[in-house]
Protein backbone atom coordinates (compact mmCIF):
# COMPACT_ATOMS: atom_id res chain seq x y z
CA MET A 1 22.60 19.40 18.90
CA GLY A 2 19.68 17.18 19.51
CA ARG A 3 19.17 13.46 20.64
CA PRO A 4 21.37 10.83 19.19
CA THR A 5 19.44 8.93 16.65
CA LYS A 6 18.17 5.45 17.19
CA TYR A 7 18.66 4.66 13.76
CA THR A 8 20.98 1.78 12.95
CA ASP A 9 22.16 0.14 9.62
CA ASP A 10 20.20 -2.98 10.02
CA MET A 11 16.90 -1.20 10.10
CA PRO A 12 16.20 -1.32 6.51
CA ASP A 13 16.46 -5.06 6.41
CA ARG A 14 14.42 -5.30 9.37
CA THR A 15 11.71 -3.17 7.68
CA ILE A 16 11.57 -5.19 4.76
CA LEU A 17 11.23 -8.35 6.72
CA LEU A 18 8.49 -7.07 8.77
CA MET A 19 6.61 -5.79 5.87
CA GLY A 20 7.33 -8.92 4.00
CA GLU A 21 5.01 -10.62 6.67
CA GLY A 22 2.05 -8.04 6.06
CA ALA A 23 3.34 -5.62 8.78
CA SER A 24 2.25 -1.91 8.37
CA LEU A 25 4.42 1.19 9.00
CA VAL A 26 3.08 1.64 12.53
CA GLU A 27 4.05 -1.88 13.40
CA VAL A 28 7.70 -1.53 12.03
CA ALA A 29 8.07 1.77 14.19
CA ALA A 30 6.89 -0.07 17.25
CA GLU A 31 9.21 -3.05 16.55
CA LEU A 32 12.08 -0.50 15.97
CA GLY A 33 11.22 1.50 19.26
CA VAL A 34 10.40 4.55 17.53
CA SER A 35 7.50 6.64 17.11
CA ARG A 36 5.58 6.87 13.65
CA ALA A 37 6.74 10.59 13.70
CA THR A 38 10.47 9.31 13.72
CA LEU A 39 9.66 6.80 11.05
CA SER A 40 8.29 9.40 8.75
CA LYS A 41 11.18 11.79 9.09
CA TRP A 42 13.60 8.91 8.28
CA GLN A 43 11.49 8.10 5.14
CA GLU A 44 11.92 11.67 3.89
CA ASP A 45 15.76 11.73 4.93
CA GLU A 46 18.18 12.07 1.95
CA THR A 47 20.91 10.53 4.18
CA LYS A 48 19.05 7.32 4.67
CA PRO A 49 18.65 6.19 1.26
CA LYS A 50 18.57 2.31 2.08
CA PHE A 51 15.68 3.32 4.41
CA VAL A 52 13.59 4.94 1.75
CA GLU A 53 13.99 2.29 -0.48
CA ALA A 54 13.28 -0.58 2.08
CA VAL A 55 9.98 1.56 2.88
CA LYS A 56 9.25 1.43 -1.10
CA ILE A 57 10.01 -2.26 -1.13
CA GLY A 58 8.23 -3.20 2.07
CA THR A 59 5.01 -1.44 1.39
CA ASP A 60 4.69 -3.53 -1.87
CA LEU A 61 5.49 -6.51 0.23
CA SER A 62 2.88 -5.75 2.42
CA GLU A 63 0.27 -5.47 -0.04
CA ALA A 64 1.35 -8.57 -1.84
CA TRP A 65 1.19 -10.53 1.48
CA TRP A 66 -2.13 -9.17 2.39
CA MET A 67 -3.31 -9.97 -1.27
CA ARG A 68 -1.89 -13.68 -0.89
CA GLU A 69 -3.81 -13.98 2.33
CA GLY A 70 -7.11 -12.96 0.74
CA ARG A 71 -6.61 -15.39 -2.52
CA LYS A 72 -5.82 -18.20 -0.24
CA ALA A 73 -9.14 -17.41 2.03
CA LEU A 74 -11.45 -17.33 -1.04
CA ARG A 75 -12.86 -20.98 -0.37
CA ASP A 76 -12.99 -20.52 3.58
CA ARG A 77 -16.68 -19.82 4.66
CA ASP A 78 -15.60 -18.00 7.64
CA PHE A 79 -13.43 -15.55 6.06
CA ASN A 80 -14.25 -12.06 6.54
CA HIS A 81 -14.05 -10.72 3.02
CA GLY A 82 -15.66 -7.35 3.97
CA LEU A 83 -13.33 -6.78 6.85
CA TRP A 84 -10.14 -7.74 4.45
CA TYR A 85 -11.30 -5.42 1.65
CA MET A 86 -11.85 -2.70 4.06
CA ASN A 87 -8.12 -3.21 5.34
CA MET A 88 -7.03 -3.05 1.50
CA LYS A 89 -8.84 -0.11 1.03
CA ASN A 90 -7.58 1.87 4.07
CA ARG A 91 -3.94 0.38 3.94
CA PHE A 92 -3.21 0.39 0.12
CA GLY A 93 -5.84 2.89 -1.39
CA TRP A 94 -8.13 0.13 -3.13
CA ALA A 95 -11.40 1.81 -4.16
CA ASP A 96 -14.70 0.63 -5.43
CA LYS A 97 -14.62 2.81 -8.46
CA ARG A 98 -12.39 4.79 -10.79
CA GLU A 99 -13.34 7.50 -12.80
CA VAL A 100 -12.70 7.00 -16.24
CA SER A 101 -11.96 9.96 -18.70
CA GLY A 102 -11.24 10.40 -22.25
CA PRO A 103 -8.24 12.11 -23.85
CA ASP A 104 -6.45 14.97 -21.96
CA GLY A 105 -9.07 14.35 -19.26
CA GLY A 106 -12.13 15.41 -21.04
CA ALA A 107 -15.43 13.30 -21.71
CA ILE A 108 -15.59 10.00 -23.47
CA VAL A 109 -17.57 10.59 -26.53
CA VAL A 110 -19.68 7.50 -27.61
CA ARG A 111 -20.95 7.11 -31.18
CA ILE A 112 -23.78 4.70 -31.79
CA ASP A 113 -24.61 3.73 -35.14
CA ARG A 114 -27.80 2.32 -35.82
CA ALA A 115 -28.10 -0.65 -38.27
CA LEU A 116 -31.69 -0.04 -38.83
CA ALA A 117 -33.21 3.49 -39.05
CA ASP A 118 -36.48 2.24 -37.51
CA VAL A 119 -36.35 -0.44 -35.19
């Protein structure tokens, strides 16, 4: 028998609310009064399906919030777009490039037909 859980039935709703304002999971953990490790355990706990779903929804809401903030700031000369982009890369897995491959992950074959034999 371990320590009693701090989990309460209102935590999924609180998580969605916080993440809908752009909060990270670390911020959610702090607001809920638990460690990030505890939050991670709850995310994998089959007995807490509402919380698992709340984190999935919250993650999308958080990314949407940050995207909206970046979009709204595009005309602001003082907007630090580099810092915003690094945040998006680190928090949401954005990348500068995506590797592209052909069918079944193979090479892309390019065929060039020349209209004139000698140019």
